[in-house]
C-alpha atoms as a PDB file:
ATOM      1  CA  MET A   1     -22.067   5.249  11.910  1.00  0.00           C
ATOM      2  CA  ASN A   2     -21.228   1.482  12.054  1.00  0.00           C
ATOM      3  CA  GLU A   3     -20.796   1.443   8.196  1.00  0.00           C
ATOM      4  CA  ILE A   4     -18.269   4.269   8.501  1.00  0.00           C
ATOM      5  CA  TYR A   5     -16.378   2.362  11.233  1.00  0.00           C
ATOM      6  CA  THR A   6     -16.403  -0.665   8.965  1.00  0.00           C
ATOM      7  CA  GLN A   7     -15.241   1.217   6.079  1.00  0.00           C
ATOM      8  CA  VAL A   8     -12.311   2.807   8.156  1.00  0.00           C
ATOM      9  CA  ILE A   9     -11.191  -0.624   9.421  1.00  0.00           C
ATOM     10  CA  THR A  10     -11.494  -2.120   5.878  1.00  0.00           C
ATOM     11  CA  VAL A  11      -9.349   0.694   4.332  1.00  0.00           C
ATOM     12  CA  PHE A  12      -6.862   0.509   7.142  1.00  0.00           C
ATOM     13  CA  MET A  13      -6.369  -3.149   6.867  1.00  0.00           C
ATOM     14  CA  GLY A  14      -6.014  -2.846   3.097  1.00  0.00           C
ATOM     15  CA  PHE A  15      -3.356  -0.216   3.325  1.00  0.00           C
ATOM     16  CA  PHE A  16      -1.502  -2.028   6.184  1.00  0.00           C
ATOM     17  CA  ALA A  17      -1.447  -5.157   4.211  1.00  0.00           C
ATOM     18  CA  ILE A  18      -0.140  -3.719   0.967  1.00  0.00           C
ATOM     19  CA  MET A  19       2.300  -1.216   2.696  1.00  0.00           C
ATOM     20  CA  ASN A  20       3.451  -3.901   5.169  1.00  0.00           C
ATOM     21  CA  PRO A  21       5.280  -1.515   7.580  1.00  0.00           C
ATOM     22  CA  ILE A  22       7.132  -4.342   9.428  1.00  0.00           C
ATOM     23  CA  ALA A  23       8.648  -5.963   6.318  1.00  0.00           C
ATOM     24  CA  ASN A  24       9.300  -2.551   4.849  1.00  0.00           C
ATOM     25  CA  THR A  25      11.097  -1.426   8.013  1.00  0.00           C
ATOM     26  CA  ALA A  26      13.533  -4.249   7.442  1.00  0.00           C
ATOM     27  CA  ALA A  27      14.085  -2.952   3.803  1.00  0.00           C
ATOM     28  CA  PHE A  28      14.465   0.621   5.116  1.00  0.00           C
ATOM     29  CA  ALA A  29      17.135  -0.449   7.615  1.00  0.00           C
ATOM     30  CA  GLY A  30      18.934  -2.311   4.942  1.00  0.00           C
ATOM     31  CA  LEU A  31      19.037   0.889   2.793  1.00  0.00           C
ATOM     32  CA  VAL A  32      20.069   3.274   5.524  1.00  0.00           C
ATOM     33  CA  GLY A  33      21.801   1.020   7.922  1.00  0.00           C
ATOM     34  CA  ASP A  34      25.067   3.079   7.844  1.00  0.00           C
ATOM     35  CA  LYS A  35      23.455   6.387   8.123  1.00  0.00           C
ATOM     36  CA  SER A  36      23.151   8.520  11.338  1.00  0.00           C
ATOM     37  CA  GLN A  37      19.966   8.737  13.232  1.00  0.00           C
ATOM     38  CA  VAL A  38      19.490  12.237  11.910  1.00  0.00           C
ATOM     39  CA  GLU A  39      19.966  11.177   8.488  1.00  0.00           C
ATOM     40  CA  LYS A  40      17.590   8.234   8.841  1.00  0.00           C
ATOM     41  CA  ARG A  41      14.884  10.631  10.040  1.00  0.00           C
ATOM     42  CA  LYS A  42      15.472  12.887   7.007  1.00  0.00           C
ATOM     43  CA  VAL A  43      15.183  10.040   4.617  1.00  0.00           C
ATOM     44  CA  ALA A  44      12.055   8.539   6.365  1.00  0.00           C
ATOM     45  CA  THR A  45      10.446  12.080   6.332  1.00  0.00           C
ATOM     46  CA  ARG A  46      10.958  12.725   2.713  1.00  0.00           C
ATOM     47  CA  ALA A  47      10.012   9.193   1.577  1.00  0.00           C
ATOM     48  CA  LEU A  48       6.697   9.277   3.499  1.00  0.00           C
ATOM     49  CA  THR A  49       5.998  12.808   2.390  1.00  0.00           C
ATOM     50  CA  ILE A  50       6.406  11.891  -1.225  1.00  0.00           C
ATOM     51  CA  THR A  51       4.434   8.710  -0.647  1.00  0.00           C
ATOM     52  CA  PHE A  52       1.459  10.595   0.881  1.00  0.00           C
ATOM     53  CA  ILE A  53       1.513  13.198  -1.984  1.00  0.00           C
ATOM     54  CA  VAL A  54       1.488  10.631  -4.728  1.00  0.00           C
ATOM     55  CA  VAL A  55      -1.268   8.517  -3.216  1.00  0.00           C
ATOM     56  CA  PHE A  56      -3.203  11.706  -2.230  1.00  0.00           C
ATOM     57  CA  LEU A  57      -3.251  12.858  -5.847  1.00  0.00           C
ATOM     58  CA  PHE A  58      -4.351   9.648  -7.159  1.00  0.00           C
ATOM     59  CA  ALA A  59      -7.121   9.403  -4.552  1.00  0.00           C
ATOM     60  CA  LEU A  60      -8.289  12.835  -5.090  1.00  0.00           C
ATOM     61  CA  LEU A  61      -8.109  12.963  -8.869  1.00  0.00           C
ATOM     62  CA  GLY A  62      -9.275   9.402  -9.392  1.00  0.00           C
ATOM     63  CA  LYS A  63     -12.471  10.366 -11.195  1.00  0.00           C
ATOM     64  CA  VAL A  64     -10.749  12.911 -13.257  1.00  0.00           C
ATOM     65  CA  ILE A  65      -8.244  10.283 -14.381  1.00  0.00           C
ATOM     66  CA  PHE A  66     -11.220   7.954 -15.130  1.00  0.00           C
ATOM     67  CA  HIS A  67     -12.884  10.541 -17.345  1.00  0.00           C
ATOM     68  CA  LEU A  68      -9.609  11.740 -18.996  1.00  0.00           C
ATOM     69  CA  PHE A  69      -8.656   8.220 -20.123  1.00  0.00           C
ATOM     70  CA  GLY A  70     -11.982   6.653 -20.453  1.00  0.00           C
ATOM     71  CA  ILE A  71     -11.470   4.258 -17.483  1.00  0.00           C
ATOM     72  CA  THR A  72     -14.411   2.757 -15.699  1.00  0.00           C
ATOM     73  CA  LEU A  73     -14.318   1.734 -12.085  1.00  0.00           C
ATOM     74  CA  PRO A  74     -14.914  -1.920 -12.741  1.00  0.00           C
ATOM     75  CA  ALA A  75     -11.834  -1.942 -15.095  1.00  0.00           C
ATOM     76  CA  LEU A  76      -9.861  -0.315 -12.177  1.00  0.00           C
ATOM     77  CA  ARG A  77     -10.959  -2.726  -9.718  1.00  0.00           C
ATOM     78  CA  ILE A  78     -10.184  -5.697 -12.000  1.00  0.00           C
ATOM     79  CA  ALA A  79      -6.690  -4.339 -12.998  1.00  0.00           C
ATOM     80  CA  GLY A  80      -6.029  -3.166  -9.410  1.00  0.00           C
ATOM     81  CA  GLY A  81      -7.225  -6.523  -7.978  1.00  0.00           C
ATOM     82  CA  ILE A  82      -4.755  -8.370 -10.308  1.00  0.00           C
ATOM     83  CA  LEU A  83      -1.824  -6.038  -9.129  1.00  0.00           C
ATOM     84  CA  VAL A  84      -2.672  -6.604  -5.373  1.00  0.00           C
ATOM     85  CA  PHE A  85      -3.172 -10.310  -5.815  1.00  0.00           C
ATOM     86  CA  LEU A  86       0.150 -10.681  -7.532  1.00  0.00           C
ATOM     87  CA  ILE A  87       2.011  -8.805  -4.777  1.00  0.00           C
ATOM     88  CA  GLY A  88       0.241 -10.785  -2.231  1.00  0.00           C
ATOM     89  CA  TYR A  89       0.901 -14.014  -4.075  1.00  0.00           C
ATOM     90  CA  HIS A  90       4.684 -13.194  -4.149  1.00  0.00           C
ATOM     91  CA  MET A  91       4.607 -12.290  -0.459  1.00  0.00           C
ATOM     92  CA  LEU A  92       2.790 -15.480   0.417  1.00  0.00           C
ATOM     93  CA  ASN A  93       5.439 -17.569  -1.356  1.00  0.00           C
ATOM     94  CA  GLY A  94       8.204 -15.785   0.517  1.00  0.00           C
ATOM     95  CA  THR A  95       9.429 -13.779  -2.440  1.00  0.00           C
ATOM     96  CA  GLY A  96       9.257 -10.134  -3.383  1.00  0.00           C
ATOM     97  CA  SER A  97       7.187  -8.883  -6.174  1.00  0.00           C
ATOM     98  CA  HIS A  98       8.875  -6.776  -9.042  1.00  0.00           C
ATOM     99  CA  LEU A  99       5.967  -4.342  -8.562  1.00  0.00           C
ATOM    100  CA  HIS A 100       6.706  -3.883  -4.901  1.00  0.00           C
ATOM    101  CA  SER A 101      10.388  -4.415  -4.249  1.00  0.00           C
ATOM    102  CA  ALA A 102      13.412  -2.465  -2.778  1.00  0.00           C
ATOM    103  CA  GLU A 103      15.861  -3.542  -5.484  1.00  0.00           C
ATOM    104  CA  SER A 104      18.883  -1.156  -5.857  1.00  0.00           C
ATOM    105  CA  SER A 105      18.353   1.762  -8.160  1.00  0.00           C
ATOM    106  CA  ASP A 106      20.593   3.997 -10.150  1.00  0.00           C
ATOM    107  CA  GLU A 107      19.170   7.119  -8.431  1.00  0.00           C
ATOM    108  CA  SER A 108      21.250   8.502  -5.491  1.00  0.00           C
ATOM    109  CA  ASP A 109      18.250   9.561  -3.473  1.00  0.00           C
ATOM    110  CA  ILE A 110      16.867   6.460  -1.908  1.00  0.00           C
ATOM    111  CA  ALA A 111      14.091   8.446  -0.340  1.00  0.00           C
ATOM    112  CA  VAL A 112      12.482   8.922  -3.757  1.00  0.00           C
ATOM    113  CA  THR A 113      13.257   5.599  -5.153  1.00  0.00           C
ATOM    114  CA  PRO A 114      13.174   2.766  -4.160  1.00  0.00           C
ATOM    115  CA  LEU A 115      11.524   3.815  -0.815  1.00  0.00           C
ATOM    116  CA  ALA A 116       8.694   6.202  -1.887  1.00  0.00           C
ATOM    117  CA  VAL A 117       8.208   4.706  -5.377  1.00  0.00           C
ATOM    118  CA  PRO A 118       7.587   1.727  -5.820  1.00  0.00           C
ATOM    119  CA  LEU A 119       8.237   0.298  -2.290  1.00  0.00           C
ATOM    120  CA  LEU A 120       5.608   2.303  -0.502  1.00  0.00           C
ATOM    121  CA  ALA A 121       3.581   4.143  -3.262  1.00  0.00           C
ATOM    122  CA  GLY A 122       3.528   1.173  -5.727  1.00  0.00           C
ATOM    123  CA  PRO A 123       0.915   0.212  -8.314  1.00  0.00           C
ATOM    124  CA  GLY A 124      -0.890  -1.777  -5.761  1.00  0.00           C
ATOM    125  CA  THR A 125      -1.107   0.923  -3.236  1.00  0.00           C
ATOM    126  CA  ILE A 126      -2.163   3.549  -5.866  1.00  0.00           C
ATOM    127  CA  ALA A 127      -4.877   1.198  -7.236  1.00  0.00           C
ATOM    128  CA  THR A 128      -6.023   0.303  -3.664  1.00  0.00           C
ATOM    129  CA  ALA A 129      -6.320   4.129  -2.777  1.00  0.00           C
ATOM    130  CA  MET A 130      -8.201   4.845  -6.127  1.00  0.00           C
ATOM    131  CA  ASN A 131     -10.652   1.938  -5.552  1.00  0.00           C
ATOM    132  CA  TYR A 132     -11.453   2.938  -2.062  1.00  0.00           C
ATOM    133  CA  SER A 133     -11.812   6.615  -2.732  1.00  0.00           C
ATOM    134  CA  ALA A 134     -13.875   6.232  -5.756  1.00  0.00           C
ATOM    135  CA  THR A 135     -16.496   3.911  -4.073  1.00  0.00           C
ATOM    136  CA  GLY A 136     -17.766   6.120  -1.167  1.00  0.00           C
ATOM    137  CA  GLY A 137     -18.221   9.527  -2.619  1.00  0.00           C
ATOM    138  CA  ILE A 138     -16.728  12.474  -0.602  1.00  0.00           C
ATOM    139  CA  THR A 139     -16.980  10.267   2.578  1.00  0.00           C
ATOM    140  CA  GLY A 140     -15.115   7.476   1.004  1.00  0.00           C
ATOM    141  CA  MET A 141     -12.344   9.967  -0.237  1.00  0.00           C
ATOM    142  CA  VAL A 142     -11.941  11.638   3.096  1.00  0.00           C
ATOM    143  CA  ILE A 143     -11.670   8.238   4.985  1.00  0.00           C
ATOM    144  CA  THR A 144      -9.162   6.923   2.300  1.00  0.00           C
ATOM    145  CA  ILE A 145      -6.907  10.057   2.553  1.00  0.00           C
ATOM    146  CA  SER A 146      -7.064  10.140   6.462  1.00  0.00           C
ATOM    147  CA  VAL A 147      -6.545   6.500   6.991  1.00  0.00           C
ATOM    148  CA  PHE A 148      -3.591   6.637   4.678  1.00  0.00           C
ATOM    149  CA  ALA A 149      -2.088   9.644   6.472  1.00  0.00           C
ATOM    150  CA  VAL A 150      -2.322   7.680   9.698  1.00  0.00           C
ATOM    151  CA  MET A 151      -0.659   4.604   7.843  1.00  0.00           C
ATOM    152  CA  CYS A 152       2.158   7.055   6.789  1.00  0.00           C
ATOM    153  CA  LEU A 153       2.619   8.171  10.308  1.00  0.00           C
ATOM    154  CA  ILE A 154       2.823   4.408  11.570  1.00  0.00           C
ATOM    155  CA  THR A 155       5.352   3.722   8.816  1.00  0.00           C
ATOM    156  CA  TYR A 156       7.407   6.793   9.718  1.00  0.00           C
ATOM    157  CA  PHE A 157       7.811   5.839  13.207  1.00  0.00           C
ATOM    158  CA  SER A 158       8.518   2.309  12.403  1.00  0.00           C
ATOM    159  CA  PHE A 159      11.412   3.444  10.064  1.00  0.00           C
ATOM    160  CA  VAL A 160      12.760   5.999  12.731  1.00  0.00           C
ATOM    161  CA  PHE A 161      12.881   3.140  15.276  1.00  0.00           C
ATOM    162  CA  SER A 162      13.710   0.465  12.824  1.00  0.00           C
ATOM    163  CA  ALA A 163      16.751  -0.709  14.733  1.00  0.00           C
ATOM    164  CA  LYS A 164      14.889  -1.276  18.019  1.00  0.00           C
ATOM    165  CA  ILE A 165      11.880  -2.826  16.188  1.00  0.00           C
ATOM    166  CA  LEU A 166      13.873  -5.269  14.245  1.00  0.00           C
ATOM    167  CA  SER A 167      16.003  -6.210  17.299  1.00  0.00           C
ATOM    168  CA  LEU A 168      12.732  -7.507  18.874  1.00  0.00           C
ATOM    169  CA  ILE A 169      11.582  -9.452  15.692  1.00  0.00           C
ATOM    170  CA  SER A 170      13.417 -12.676  14.802  1.00  0.00           C
ATOM    171  CA  LYS A 171      13.802 -13.549  11.115  1.00  0.00           C
ATOM    172  CA  ASP A 172      11.340 -16.390  11.354  1.00  0.00           C
ATOM    173  CA  ASN A 173       8.631 -13.963  12.843  1.00  0.00           C
ATOM    174  CA  LEU A 174       9.258 -11.490  10.001  1.00  0.00           C
ATOM    175  CA  THR A 175       8.765 -14.276   7.544  1.00  0.00           C
ATOM    176  CA  ILE A 176       5.380 -15.118   9.159  1.00  0.00           C
ATOM    177  CA  VAL A 177       4.169 -11.600   9.191  1.00  0.00           C
ATOM    178  CA  THR A 178       5.118 -11.183   5.485  1.00  0.00           C
ATOM    179  CA  ARG A 179       3.311 -14.317   4.522  1.00  0.00           C
ATOM    180  CA  LEU A 180       0.235 -13.256   6.515  1.00  0.00           C
ATOM    181  CA  MET A 181       0.174  -9.848   5.008  1.00  0.00           C
ATOM    182  CA  GLY A 182       0.553 -11.696   1.616  1.00  0.00           C
ATOM    183  CA  LEU A 183      -2.516 -13.903   2.333  1.00  0.00           C
ATOM    184  CA  ILE A 184      -4.605 -10.834   3.238  1.00  0.00           C
ATOM    185  CA  LEU A 185      -3.452  -8.971   0.110  1.00  0.00           C
ATOM    186  CA  ALA A 186      -4.288 -11.967  -2.095  1.00  0.00           C
ATOM    187  CA  VAL A 187      -7.801 -12.093  -0.673  1.00  0.00           C
ATOM    188  CA  ILE A 188      -8.327  -8.339  -0.997  1.00  0.00           C
ATOM    189  CA  GLY A 189      -7.123  -8.625  -4.592  1.00  0.00           C
ATOM    190  CA  ILE A 190      -9.599 -11.447  -5.380  1.00  0.00           C
ATOM    191  CA  GLN A 191     -12.381  -9.612  -3.754  1.00  0.00           C
ATOM    192  CA  MET A 192     -11.643  -6.560  -5.859  1.00  0.00           C
ATOM    193  CA  MET A 193     -11.521  -8.574  -8.986  1.00  0.00           C
ATOM    194  CA  LEU A 194     -14.935 -10.226  -8.125  1.00  0.00           C
ATOM    195  CA  THR A 195     -16.516  -6.862  -7.403  1.00  0.00           C
ATOM    196  CA  GLY A 196     -15.217  -5.432 -10.696  1.00  0.00           C
ATOM    197  CA  VAL A 197     -16.390  -8.312 -12.824  1.00  0.00           C
ATOM    198  CA  SER A 198     -19.855  -8.455 -11.048  1.00  0.00           C
ATOM    199  CA  GLN A 199     -20.150  -4.666 -11.971  1.00  0.00           C
ATOM    200  CA  ALA A 200     -18.953  -4.994 -15.386  1.00  0.00           C
ATOM    201  CA  PHE A 201     -21.454  -7.829 -16.267  1.00  0.00           C
ATOM    202  CA  SER A 202     -24.107  -6.929 -13.768  1.00  0.00           C
ATOM    203  CA  ILE A 203     -23.594 -10.182 -11.817  1.00  0.00           C
ATOM    204  CA  PRO A 204     -24.820 -10.192  -8.221  1.00  0.00           C
ATOM    205  CA  ILE A 205     -22.239 -11.325  -5.621  1.00  0.00           C
ATOM    206  CA  ILE A 206     -23.400 -14.016  -3.239  1.00  0.00           C
ATOM    207  CA  GLY A 207     -22.354 -13.639   0.371  1.00  0.00           C
END
C-alpha cells in the first residue's frame, strides 16, 4: 500500500511540475482576459477536456504505440527525459520552451491551440504519461490516468478563478514558482534519462 501512495505522489508531482497550473493560469488569463466569465468557463472546459483525452489515449495505448513503431521503453524514457529536462531548463532560466509555450497561433479556437496543445498536453506531458503508465502494469495505468484527471480538475478551477488567483500572486512570486517547477522538471528529466540508459545497457542505478 505504501508503494501505491508513493507512486501516486510521484506521478502527481511529475504532472504538477510539467503542467505548472500556476504559471499556465497566467497564460490563460492573458489569452482570455477580454472574455466574459461564461466564455472563460467554456474555453477552460474545452481545453481541459481535449487535454485529458489526448493524454488518456497516449497513456492507454502506450504499449500499442511501442509495438506498432518498434519503440522500447528505455528509448521512450531517454527521449521523454530529454524533452522534460529541456522544458525544465528553460523554466529554470526564466524563459519559455518552444515545446511548452503559449505563443500566438493562426487557429481561432484558443482552447485547442495553444491551450490544450501544446501548453497543457505538450510532448513533455505525453512522454511523462506514457512513461508512468507503462512502468506499473494495469495499476500504473489506472494511477496515471486518475492522477492526471485530478490534475486537470485543479487546472480547470485555476483557470476559472484565474483573476482572483493572480491578484494574490505577485510577479516575483510567480517567477519563483516557475523556476522551482523548472528545477523539479529538470531533475525528473535526468532521472528518466538515467533509468532509460540503465535499462538499455543493463547498468544498475546506485541510490
